[in-house]
Amino acid sequence: MKRIAMTTAALCLCLPAAAQDFSEGSEAKSWNLAAEKPARFEATVVDMLCELTGDCVEDCGGGKRQLGLLRAADGVLVYPNKNSQPAFTGAALELAPYCGAEVEVDGLMIEDPELGATNIYLVQKIREVGESEWVTANSWTKKWAEAHPDAEGKGPWFRRDPRVNGMIEESGYLGLGLEADAAFIEEWF
């Protein structure tokens, strides 16, 4: 009987954290992804490597590290892996100007234990706490184009990206080497 009472007490203590709903006030647009839910909350923009390991550098890594959102309501580290554009890119670039700042974000949270998705966030809008105007998180492709003026042309950015093309030249489309690519292309195409 004591065991049942202890288990029940433990579950009751966990329920408020598990039941938190961050959808109130959210204006996030759906991407029709499995397990997505609108989520608007306040957080501090942090260098995830610093937060997890204590390996901290200035300016959240200066664009060379993944950024996270340390949620104010419960201290949970949220992983923003996408901005509001169609490509799954841009979250760190959108958050970089807010390194160390307290912000409010609006977007989509993905929680699905079966997929192993926990605290995955798709940030659509950002603003510093106390500000009234939102900044739409959609500048990644524009900033990419500014950083790669020689990569102008038609088609998706990644077909023209010098880093992507360099990796393909070095290790093939599959990342298994040029010989593996040649065999795959011969067999499948």
N, C-alpha and C. Protein backbone atom coordinates (compact mmCIF):
# COMPACT_ATOMS: atom_id res chain seq x y z
N MET A 1 0.82 -1.19 0.00
CA MET A 1 0.00 0.00 0.00
C MET A 1 0.87 1.26 0.00
N LYS A 2 1.95 1.21 0.77
CA LYS A 2 2.87 2.34 0.84
C LYS A 2 3.49 2.61 -0.53
N ARG A 3 3.80 1.53 -1.25
CA ARG A 3 4.39 1.65 -2.58
C ARG A 3 3.43 2.35 -3.55
N ILE A 4 2.15 1.99 -3.49
CA ILE A 4 1.14 2.62 -4.35
C ILE A 4 1.01 4.10 -4.02
N ALA A 5 1.00 4.42 -2.73
CA ALA A 5 0.88 5.82 -2.31
C ALA A 5 2.08 6.63 -2.79
N MET A 6 3.28 6.08 -2.69
CA MET A 6 4.49 6.78 -3.14
C MET A 6 4.47 6.98 -4.66
N THR A 7 4.06 5.96 -5.39
CA THR A 7 3.98 6.07 -6.85
C THR A 7 2.96 7.12 -7.26
N THR A 8 1.81 7.12 -6.61
CA THR A 8 0.77 8.10 -6.90
C THR A 8 1.27 9.51 -6.60
N ALA A 9 1.94 9.69 -5.49
CA ALA A 9 2.48 11.01 -5.12
C ALA A 9 3.50 11.47 -6.15
N ALA A 10 4.38 10.57 -6.57
CA ALA A 10 5.39 10.93 -7.57
C ALA A 10 4.74 11.34 -8.89
N LEU A 11 3.73 10.61 -9.31
CA LEU A 11 3.03 10.95 -10.54
C LEU A 11 2.34 12.30 -10.44
N CYS A 12 1.75 12.59 -9.31
CA CYS A 12 1.07 13.87 -9.11
C CYS A 12 2.06 15.03 -9.18
N LEU A 13 3.25 14.84 -8.67
CA LEU A 13 4.27 15.88 -8.73
C LEU A 13 4.74 16.12 -10.15
N CYS A 14 4.76 15.09 -10.97
CA CYS A 14 5.23 15.20 -12.35
C CYS A 14 4.17 15.76 -13.29
N LEU A 15 2.90 15.62 -12.96
CA LEU A 15 1.83 16.02 -13.87
C LEU A 15 1.88 17.49 -14.27
N PRO A 16 2.12 18.44 -13.36
CA PRO A 16 2.13 19.83 -13.81
C PRO A 16 3.18 20.08 -14.88
N ALA A 17 4.35 19.51 -14.76
CA ALA A 17 5.39 19.71 -15.77
C ALA A 17 5.02 19.04 -17.08
N ALA A 18 4.48 17.84 -17.01
CA ALA A 18 4.13 17.11 -18.22
C ALA A 18 2.93 17.73 -18.91
N ALA A 19 2.07 18.39 -18.15
CA ALA A 19 0.83 18.91 -18.71
C ALA A 19 0.95 20.36 -19.17
N GLN A 20 2.12 20.97 -19.10
CA GLN A 20 2.25 22.36 -19.49
C GLN A 20 1.85 22.54 -20.94
N ASP A 21 1.05 23.56 -21.17
CA ASP A 21 0.55 23.85 -22.51
C ASP A 21 1.09 25.22 -22.91
N PHE A 22 1.91 25.24 -23.94
CA PHE A 22 2.50 26.49 -24.39
C PHE A 22 1.79 27.06 -25.62
N SER A 23 0.61 26.52 -25.94
CA SER A 23 -0.09 26.95 -27.15
C SER A 23 -0.87 28.26 -26.97
N GLU A 24 -1.11 28.65 -25.73
CA GLU A 24 -1.91 29.85 -25.49
C GLU A 24 -1.25 31.08 -26.12
N GLY A 25 -2.01 31.79 -26.94
CA GLY A 25 -1.52 33.00 -27.59
C GLY A 25 -0.68 32.76 -28.82
N SER A 26 -0.39 31.52 -29.15
CA SER A 26 0.44 31.22 -30.32
C SER A 26 -0.32 31.52 -31.61
N GLU A 27 0.39 32.10 -32.55
CA GLU A 27 -0.15 32.36 -33.88
C GLU A 27 0.62 31.56 -34.93
N ALA A 28 1.30 30.52 -34.50
CA ALA A 28 2.14 29.73 -35.40
C ALA A 28 1.31 29.07 -36.49
N LYS A 29 1.90 29.02 -37.67
CA LYS A 29 1.25 28.37 -38.81
C LYS A 29 1.67 26.91 -38.85
N SER A 30 0.71 26.05 -39.08
CA SER A 30 0.98 24.61 -39.11
C SER A 30 1.81 24.23 -40.34
N TRP A 31 2.68 23.24 -40.13
CA TRP A 31 3.42 22.62 -41.24
C TRP A 31 2.85 21.23 -41.52
N ASN A 32 1.82 20.86 -40.80
CA ASN A 32 1.20 19.54 -40.94
C ASN A 32 2.19 18.41 -40.69
N LEU A 33 3.06 18.61 -39.73
CA LEU A 33 4.03 17.59 -39.34
C LEU A 33 3.46 16.75 -38.21
N ALA A 34 3.87 15.51 -38.17
CA ALA A 34 3.42 14.63 -37.10
C ALA A 34 3.79 15.23 -35.74
N ALA A 35 2.87 15.23 -34.83
CA ALA A 35 3.07 15.63 -33.43
C ALA A 35 3.37 17.12 -33.23
N GLU A 36 3.17 17.95 -34.24
CA GLU A 36 3.42 19.39 -34.05
C GLU A 36 2.31 20.02 -33.22
N LYS A 37 2.71 20.99 -32.39
CA LYS A 37 1.74 21.76 -31.60
C LYS A 37 2.23 23.20 -31.55
N PRO A 38 1.33 24.17 -31.67
CA PRO A 38 1.74 25.56 -31.52
C PRO A 38 2.35 25.78 -30.14
N ALA A 39 3.40 26.58 -30.08
CA ALA A 39 4.05 26.84 -28.79
C ALA A 39 4.65 28.24 -28.78
N ARG A 40 4.26 29.00 -27.80
CA ARG A 40 4.78 30.36 -27.59
C ARG A 40 5.28 30.43 -26.16
N PHE A 41 6.54 30.81 -26.00
CA PHE A 41 7.10 30.86 -24.65
C PHE A 41 8.29 31.80 -24.59
N GLU A 42 8.69 32.13 -23.37
CA GLU A 42 9.88 32.94 -23.14
C GLU A 42 11.05 32.02 -22.84
N ALA A 43 12.24 32.43 -23.30
CA ALA A 43 13.43 31.61 -23.11
C ALA A 43 14.67 32.49 -23.23
N THR A 44 15.79 31.94 -22.81
CA THR A 44 17.08 32.58 -23.03
C THR A 44 17.77 31.85 -24.17
N VAL A 45 18.31 32.60 -25.13
CA VAL A 45 19.04 32.00 -26.24
C VAL A 45 20.42 31.62 -25.73
N VAL A 46 20.75 30.33 -25.86
CA VAL A 46 22.01 29.81 -25.32
C VAL A 46 22.78 29.01 -26.37
N ASP A 47 24.08 28.91 -26.16
CA ASP A 47 24.96 28.02 -26.91
C ASP A 47 24.72 26.62 -26.33
N MET A 48 24.21 25.70 -27.15
CA MET A 48 23.84 24.39 -26.61
C MET A 48 25.05 23.62 -26.10
N LEU A 49 26.18 23.70 -26.79
CA LEU A 49 27.37 22.99 -26.34
C LEU A 49 27.81 23.52 -24.98
N CYS A 50 27.75 24.82 -24.82
CA CYS A 50 28.09 25.44 -23.53
C CYS A 50 27.13 24.96 -22.44
N GLU A 51 25.86 24.95 -22.76
CA GLU A 51 24.83 24.58 -21.79
C GLU A 51 24.97 23.13 -21.34
N LEU A 52 25.32 22.25 -22.29
CA LEU A 52 25.38 20.82 -21.99
C LEU A 52 26.71 20.35 -21.41
N THR A 53 27.82 20.99 -21.83
CA THR A 53 29.14 20.48 -21.43
C THR A 53 29.97 21.46 -20.62
N GLY A 54 29.58 22.74 -20.63
CA GLY A 54 30.39 23.74 -19.95
C GLY A 54 31.49 24.30 -20.84
N ASP A 55 31.59 23.85 -22.09
CA ASP A 55 32.57 24.37 -23.05
C ASP A 55 31.98 25.63 -23.68
N CYS A 56 32.27 26.77 -23.06
CA CYS A 56 31.64 28.03 -23.45
C CYS A 56 32.63 28.94 -24.15
N VAL A 57 32.17 29.60 -25.20
CA VAL A 57 32.97 30.59 -25.92
C VAL A 57 32.13 31.86 -26.05
N GLU A 58 32.79 32.95 -26.44
CA GLU A 58 32.08 34.22 -26.59
C GLU A 58 31.07 34.16 -27.72
N ASP A 59 30.06 34.98 -27.62
CA ASP A 59 29.10 35.21 -28.70
C ASP A 59 28.42 33.92 -29.17
N CYS A 60 28.17 33.00 -28.26
CA CYS A 60 27.50 31.73 -28.59
C CYS A 60 28.19 31.00 -29.74
N GLY A 61 29.48 31.17 -29.87
CA GLY A 61 30.23 30.45 -30.91
C GLY A 61 30.34 31.19 -32.22
N GLY A 62 29.81 32.39 -32.30
CA GLY A 62 29.96 33.19 -33.51
C GLY A 62 29.43 32.54 -34.78
N GLY A 63 28.35 31.81 -34.67
CA GLY A 63 27.75 31.18 -35.85
C GLY A 63 28.27 29.79 -36.16
N LYS A 64 29.14 29.26 -35.32
CA LYS A 64 29.70 27.93 -35.56
C LYS A 64 29.13 26.86 -34.64
N ARG A 65 28.16 27.24 -33.82
CA ARG A 65 27.55 26.29 -32.88
C ARG A 65 26.04 26.34 -32.98
N GLN A 66 25.43 25.23 -32.58
CA GLN A 66 23.97 25.17 -32.55
C GLN A 66 23.47 25.95 -31.34
N LEU A 67 22.42 26.72 -31.53
CA LEU A 67 21.84 27.49 -30.44
C LEU A 67 20.58 26.81 -29.92
N GLY A 68 20.30 27.06 -28.66
CA GLY A 68 19.12 26.48 -28.03
C GLY A 68 18.33 27.54 -27.31
N LEU A 69 17.17 27.13 -26.82
CA LEU A 69 16.29 27.99 -26.05
C LEU A 69 16.10 27.38 -24.67
N LEU A 70 16.59 28.05 -23.66
CA LEU A 70 16.42 27.60 -22.28
C LEU A 70 15.11 28.22 -21.78
N ARG A 71 14.06 27.40 -21.77
CA ARG A 71 12.71 27.88 -21.50
C ARG A 71 12.58 28.39 -20.08
N ALA A 72 12.05 29.61 -19.94
CA ALA A 72 11.93 30.27 -18.64
C ALA A 72 10.95 29.56 -17.71
N ALA A 73 9.88 29.02 -18.24
CA ALA A 73 8.82 28.44 -17.40
C ALA A 73 9.28 27.22 -16.62
N ASP A 74 10.20 26.44 -17.19
CA ASP A 74 10.56 25.17 -16.54
C ASP A 74 12.03 24.79 -16.65
N GLY A 75 12.86 25.66 -17.25
CA GLY A 75 14.29 25.37 -17.35
C GLY A 75 14.64 24.29 -18.35
N VAL A 76 13.71 23.91 -19.22
CA VAL A 76 13.95 22.87 -20.22
C VAL A 76 14.73 23.46 -21.39
N LEU A 77 15.73 22.73 -21.88
CA LEU A 77 16.50 23.13 -23.05
C LEU A 77 15.77 22.65 -24.30
N VAL A 78 15.33 23.60 -25.10
CA VAL A 78 14.56 23.32 -26.32
C VAL A 78 15.50 23.45 -27.52
N TYR A 79 15.37 22.51 -28.47
CA TYR A 79 16.24 22.46 -29.64
C TYR A 79 15.53 23.05 -30.87
N PRO A 80 15.83 24.30 -31.22
CA PRO A 80 15.23 24.89 -32.42
C PRO A 80 16.01 24.42 -33.65
N ASN A 81 15.35 23.65 -34.52
CA ASN A 81 16.09 23.13 -35.66
C ASN A 81 15.58 23.63 -37.00
N LYS A 82 14.71 24.63 -37.00
CA LYS A 82 14.17 25.14 -38.25
C LYS A 82 13.60 26.53 -38.03
N ASN A 83 13.70 27.36 -39.09
CA ASN A 83 13.03 28.66 -39.05
C ASN A 83 11.69 28.54 -39.78
N SER A 84 11.11 29.66 -40.22
CA SER A 84 9.78 29.60 -40.82
C SER A 84 9.79 29.35 -42.32
N GLN A 85 10.97 29.16 -42.91
CA GLN A 85 11.05 28.88 -44.34
C GLN A 85 10.87 27.39 -44.61
N PRO A 86 10.56 27.01 -45.87
CA PRO A 86 10.31 25.60 -46.18
C PRO A 86 11.47 24.64 -45.90
N ALA A 87 12.71 25.08 -46.11
CA ALA A 87 13.85 24.20 -45.87
C ALA A 87 14.06 24.04 -44.36
N PHE A 88 14.57 22.90 -43.95
CA PHE A 88 14.86 22.68 -42.53
C PHE A 88 16.23 23.27 -42.23
N THR A 89 16.28 24.60 -42.19
CA THR A 89 17.51 25.35 -41.97
C THR A 89 17.20 26.59 -41.15
N GLY A 90 18.24 27.28 -40.79
CA GLY A 90 18.11 28.65 -40.36
C GLY A 90 17.85 28.99 -38.91
N ALA A 91 17.53 28.04 -38.06
CA ALA A 91 17.17 28.41 -36.70
C ALA A 91 18.33 29.10 -35.97
N ALA A 92 19.53 28.55 -36.06
CA ALA A 92 20.67 29.14 -35.36
C ALA A 92 20.98 30.53 -35.90
N LEU A 93 20.90 30.69 -37.20
CA LEU A 93 21.17 32.00 -37.80
C LEU A 93 20.14 33.03 -37.35
N GLU A 94 18.90 32.62 -37.26
CA GLU A 94 17.84 33.54 -36.82
C GLU A 94 18.00 33.93 -35.35
N LEU A 95 18.48 33.00 -34.53
CA LEU A 95 18.62 33.26 -33.09
C LEU A 95 19.93 33.94 -32.71
N ALA A 96 20.94 33.88 -33.58
CA ALA A 96 22.28 34.40 -33.26
C ALA A 96 22.28 35.84 -32.74
N PRO A 97 21.51 36.75 -33.33
CA PRO A 97 21.53 38.13 -32.81
C PRO A 97 21.03 38.25 -31.37
N TYR A 98 20.38 37.21 -30.88
CA TYR A 98 19.80 37.24 -29.53
C TYR A 98 20.62 36.43 -28.53
N CYS A 99 21.85 36.08 -28.86
CA CYS A 99 22.70 35.28 -27.98
C CYS A 99 22.71 35.85 -26.56
N GLY A 100 22.31 35.05 -25.59
CA GLY A 100 22.30 35.46 -24.19
C GLY A 100 21.09 36.29 -23.78
N ALA A 101 20.26 36.65 -24.74
CA ALA A 101 19.10 37.51 -24.44
C ALA A 101 17.89 36.69 -24.05
N GLU A 102 17.01 37.33 -23.32
CA GLU A 102 15.72 36.73 -23.00
C GLU A 102 14.76 37.11 -24.12
N VAL A 103 14.19 36.09 -24.74
CA VAL A 103 13.33 36.30 -25.90
C VAL A 103 11.98 35.63 -25.68
N GLU A 104 11.03 36.01 -26.51
CA GLU A 104 9.77 35.29 -26.62
C GLU A 104 9.75 34.74 -28.04
N VAL A 105 9.40 33.48 -28.18
CA VAL A 105 9.35 32.85 -29.49
C VAL A 105 7.95 32.29 -29.72
N ASP A 106 7.60 32.21 -30.99
CA ASP A 106 6.33 31.60 -31.37
C ASP A 106 6.64 30.66 -32.53
N GLY A 107 6.15 29.45 -32.44
CA GLY A 107 6.42 28.46 -33.48
C GLY A 107 5.72 27.15 -33.17
N LEU A 108 6.33 26.07 -33.62
CA LEU A 108 5.74 24.74 -33.45
C LEU A 108 6.68 23.85 -32.65
N MET A 109 6.13 23.15 -31.68
CA MET A 109 6.89 22.20 -30.86
C MET A 109 6.52 20.80 -31.33
N ILE A 110 7.54 19.95 -31.45
CA ILE A 110 7.30 18.55 -31.80
C ILE A 110 7.74 17.69 -30.63
N GLU A 111 6.79 16.93 -30.13
CA GLU A 111 7.02 15.98 -29.04
C GLU A 111 6.42 14.65 -29.47
N ASP A 112 7.24 13.65 -29.68
CA ASP A 112 6.73 12.33 -30.05
C ASP A 112 7.70 11.27 -29.55
N PRO A 113 7.40 10.66 -28.40
CA PRO A 113 8.30 9.66 -27.83
C PRO A 113 8.56 8.48 -28.76
N GLU A 114 7.58 8.12 -29.59
CA GLU A 114 7.77 7.00 -30.51
C GLU A 114 8.83 7.32 -31.56
N LEU A 115 8.92 8.58 -31.96
CA LEU A 115 9.94 9.01 -32.92
C LEU A 115 11.25 9.39 -32.24
N GLY A 116 11.20 9.53 -30.93
CA GLY A 116 12.37 10.00 -30.20
C GLY A 116 12.51 11.52 -30.28
N ALA A 117 11.44 12.20 -30.66
CA ALA A 117 11.46 13.66 -30.78
C ALA A 117 11.03 14.29 -29.46
N THR A 118 11.93 15.01 -28.84
CA THR A 118 11.64 15.69 -27.58
C THR A 118 12.14 17.12 -27.66
N ASN A 119 11.25 18.06 -27.41
CA ASN A 119 11.59 19.48 -27.39
C ASN A 119 12.22 19.97 -28.70
N ILE A 120 11.70 19.49 -29.82
CA ILE A 120 12.13 19.96 -31.14
C ILE A 120 11.26 21.16 -31.48
N TYR A 121 11.88 22.26 -31.87
CA TYR A 121 11.13 23.50 -32.07
C TYR A 121 11.39 24.08 -33.44
N LEU A 122 10.32 24.56 -34.07
CA LEU A 122 10.38 25.22 -35.36
C LEU A 122 10.00 26.68 -35.12
N VAL A 123 11.01 27.53 -35.03
CA VAL A 123 10.78 28.93 -34.65
C VAL A 123 10.27 29.72 -35.86
N GLN A 124 9.16 30.43 -35.66
CA GLN A 124 8.58 31.23 -36.73
C GLN A 124 8.70 32.73 -36.47
N LYS A 125 8.63 33.13 -35.20
CA LYS A 125 8.76 34.54 -34.85
C LYS A 125 9.57 34.66 -33.56
N ILE A 126 10.31 35.78 -33.45
CA ILE A 126 11.16 36.04 -32.29
C ILE A 126 11.02 37.52 -31.91
N ARG A 127 11.10 37.77 -30.62
CA ARG A 127 11.23 39.15 -30.15
C ARG A 127 11.85 39.11 -28.77
N GLU A 128 12.59 40.17 -28.43
CA GLU A 128 13.13 40.25 -27.07
C GLU A 128 11.97 40.47 -26.11
N VAL A 129 12.10 39.90 -24.92
CA VAL A 129 11.07 40.07 -23.90
C VAL A 129 10.87 41.56 -23.66
N GLY A 130 9.63 41.99 -23.67
CA GLY A 130 9.30 43.40 -23.46
C GLY A 130 9.09 44.17 -24.74
N GLU A 131 9.56 43.65 -25.86
CA GLU A 131 9.35 44.31 -27.16
C GLU A 131 7.95 44.00 -27.67
N SER A 132 7.40 44.90 -28.49
CA SER A 132 6.06 44.65 -29.02
C SER A 132 6.09 44.08 -30.44
N GLU A 133 7.12 44.39 -31.19
CA GLU A 133 7.20 43.94 -32.58
C GLU A 133 7.91 42.60 -32.71
N TRP A 134 7.31 41.70 -33.46
CA TRP A 134 7.91 40.40 -33.74
C TRP A 134 8.86 40.52 -34.93
N VAL A 135 9.88 39.68 -34.96
CA VAL A 135 10.75 39.52 -36.12
C VAL A 135 10.44 38.15 -36.70
N THR A 136 10.05 38.12 -37.97
CA THR A 136 9.75 36.85 -38.63
C THR A 136 11.06 36.12 -38.90
N ALA A 137 11.11 34.87 -38.56
CA ALA A 137 12.33 34.07 -38.71
C ALA A 137 12.38 33.49 -40.12
N ASN A 138 12.73 34.34 -41.09
CA ASN A 138 12.76 33.90 -42.48
C ASN A 138 13.91 34.49 -43.28
N SER A 139 14.99 34.84 -42.63
CA SER A 139 16.09 35.53 -43.32
C SER A 139 17.21 34.60 -43.79
N TRP A 140 17.10 33.30 -43.55
CA TRP A 140 18.21 32.40 -43.83
C TRP A 140 18.63 32.42 -45.30
N THR A 141 17.70 32.24 -46.24
CA THR A 141 18.09 32.17 -47.65
C THR A 141 18.66 33.51 -48.14
N LYS A 142 18.13 34.62 -47.65
CA LYS A 142 18.67 35.93 -48.03
C LYS A 142 20.11 36.08 -47.53
N LYS A 143 20.34 35.69 -46.28
CA LYS A 143 21.69 35.80 -45.73
C LYS A 143 22.64 34.81 -46.41
N TRP A 144 22.12 33.63 -46.80
CA TRP A 144 22.94 32.67 -47.53
C TRP A 144 23.36 33.27 -48.87
N ALA A 145 22.42 33.89 -49.59
CA ALA A 145 22.71 34.50 -50.89
C ALA A 145 23.74 35.62 -50.75
N GLU A 146 23.64 36.41 -49.69
CA GLU A 146 24.61 37.49 -49.45
C GLU A 146 26.00 36.92 -49.18
N ALA A 147 26.07 35.80 -48.49
CA ALA A 147 27.36 35.17 -48.16
C ALA A 147 27.96 34.41 -49.34
N HIS A 148 27.14 34.09 -50.35
CA HIS A 148 27.61 33.32 -51.51
C HIS A 148 27.20 34.00 -52.81
N PRO A 149 27.72 35.21 -53.08
CA PRO A 149 27.30 35.94 -54.29
C PRO A 149 27.67 35.22 -55.59
N ASP A 150 28.69 34.38 -55.55
CA ASP A 150 29.10 33.65 -56.76
C ASP A 150 28.21 32.44 -57.04
N ALA A 151 27.28 32.16 -56.17
CA ALA A 151 26.43 30.97 -56.33
C ALA A 151 25.05 31.32 -56.85
N GLU A 152 24.95 32.45 -57.56
CA GLU A 152 23.65 32.84 -58.12
C GLU A 152 23.22 31.83 -59.16
N GLY A 153 21.93 31.74 -59.37
CA GLY A 153 21.41 30.85 -60.40
C GLY A 153 20.04 30.34 -60.03
N LYS A 154 19.52 29.51 -60.92
CA LYS A 154 18.19 28.94 -60.70
C LYS A 154 18.28 27.68 -59.86
N GLY A 155 17.16 27.35 -59.27
CA GLY A 155 17.09 26.11 -58.50
C GLY A 155 17.36 26.32 -57.03
N PRO A 156 17.22 25.25 -56.27
CA PRO A 156 17.40 25.34 -54.82
C PRO A 156 18.84 25.74 -54.45
N TRP A 157 18.96 26.45 -53.34
CA TRP A 157 20.25 26.95 -52.87
C TRP A 157 21.28 25.85 -52.71
N PHE A 158 20.85 24.67 -52.23
CA PHE A 158 21.82 23.62 -51.91
C PHE A 158 22.47 23.02 -53.15
N ARG A 159 21.87 23.19 -54.31
CA ARG A 159 22.49 22.71 -55.55
C ARG A 159 23.64 23.63 -55.97
N ARG A 160 23.66 24.85 -55.43
CA ARG A 160 24.68 25.84 -55.77
C ARG A 160 25.64 26.14 -54.62
N ASP A 161 25.41 25.56 -53.47
CA ASP A 161 26.21 25.85 -52.29
C ASP A 161 27.62 25.29 -52.45
N PRO A 162 28.65 26.14 -52.32
CA PRO A 162 30.03 25.66 -52.49
C PRO A 162 30.43 24.58 -51.49
N ARG A 163 29.93 24.67 -50.27
CA ARG A 163 30.25 23.64 -49.27
C ARG A 163 29.65 22.30 -49.66
N VAL A 164 28.38 22.32 -50.07
CA VAL A 164 27.70 21.09 -50.47
C VAL A 164 28.39 20.49 -51.69
N ASN A 165 28.66 21.32 -52.70
CA ASN A 165 29.31 20.82 -53.91
C ASN A 165 30.71 20.28 -53.63
N GLY A 166 31.43 20.93 -52.72
CA GLY A 166 32.76 20.44 -52.34
C GLY A 166 32.69 19.07 -51.68
N MET A 167 31.71 18.87 -50.82
CA MET A 167 31.55 17.56 -50.16
C MET A 167 31.17 16.49 -51.17
N ILE A 168 30.32 16.83 -52.13
CA ILE A 168 29.92 15.87 -53.17
C ILE A 168 31.13 15.49 -54.02
N GLU A 169 31.94 16.49 -54.39
CA GLU A 169 33.14 16.22 -55.19
C GLU A 169 34.11 15.31 -54.44
N GLU A 170 34.19 15.49 -53.14
CA GLU A 170 35.13 14.72 -52.32
C GLU A 170 34.64 13.31 -52.01
N SER A 171 33.36 13.18 -51.63
CA SER A 171 32.91 11.86 -51.17
C SER A 171 31.63 11.37 -51.82
N GLY A 172 31.18 12.04 -52.88
CA GLY A 172 30.02 11.57 -53.63
C GLY A 172 28.70 11.99 -53.02
N TYR A 173 27.64 11.75 -53.78
CA TYR A 173 26.29 12.12 -53.33
C TYR A 173 25.85 11.34 -52.10
N LEU A 174 26.28 10.09 -52.02
CA LEU A 174 25.88 9.24 -50.90
C LEU A 174 26.81 9.38 -49.70
N GLY A 175 27.94 10.06 -49.89
CA GLY A 175 28.91 10.19 -48.81
C GLY A 175 29.74 8.94 -48.60
N LEU A 176 29.68 8.01 -49.55
CA LEU A 176 30.39 6.73 -49.43
C LEU A 176 31.59 6.63 -50.36
N GLY A 177 31.88 7.70 -51.08
CA GLY A 177 32.98 7.71 -52.02
C GLY A 177 32.47 7.71 -53.45
N LEU A 178 33.34 8.15 -54.36
CA LEU A 178 32.95 8.28 -55.76
C LEU A 178 32.68 6.94 -56.42
N GLU A 179 33.42 5.91 -56.04
CA GLU A 179 33.19 4.57 -56.61
C GLU A 179 31.82 4.04 -56.21
N ALA A 180 31.44 4.21 -54.96
CA ALA A 180 30.12 3.75 -54.51
C ALA A 180 29.02 4.51 -55.24
N ASP A 181 29.24 5.81 -55.46
CA ASP A 181 28.27 6.60 -56.23
C ASP A 181 28.11 6.06 -57.64
N ALA A 182 29.24 5.81 -58.30
CA ALA A 182 29.20 5.32 -59.68
C ALA A 182 28.44 3.99 -59.76
N ALA A 183 28.70 3.09 -58.83
CA ALA A 183 28.00 1.80 -58.82
C ALA A 183 26.51 1.99 -58.57
N PHE A 184 26.16 2.86 -57.65
CA PHE A 184 24.75 3.13 -57.34
C PHE A 184 24.03 3.72 -58.55
N ILE A 185 24.65 4.71 -59.18
CA ILE A 185 24.04 5.37 -60.34
C ILE A 185 23.87 4.37 -61.48
N GLU A 186 24.88 3.55 -61.71
CA GLU A 186 24.81 2.52 -62.76
C GLU A 186 23.66 1.55 -62.50
N GLU A 187 23.51 1.13 -61.26
CA GLU A 187 22.48 0.14 -60.92
C GLU A 187 21.07 0.72 -60.91
N TRP A 188 20.93 1.93 -60.43
CA TRP A 188 19.60 2.50 -60.23
C TRP A 188 19.13 3.44 -61.34
N PHE A 189 20.03 3.97 -62.12
CA PHE A 189 19.61 4.94 -63.14
C PHE A 189 20.09 4.47 -64.46
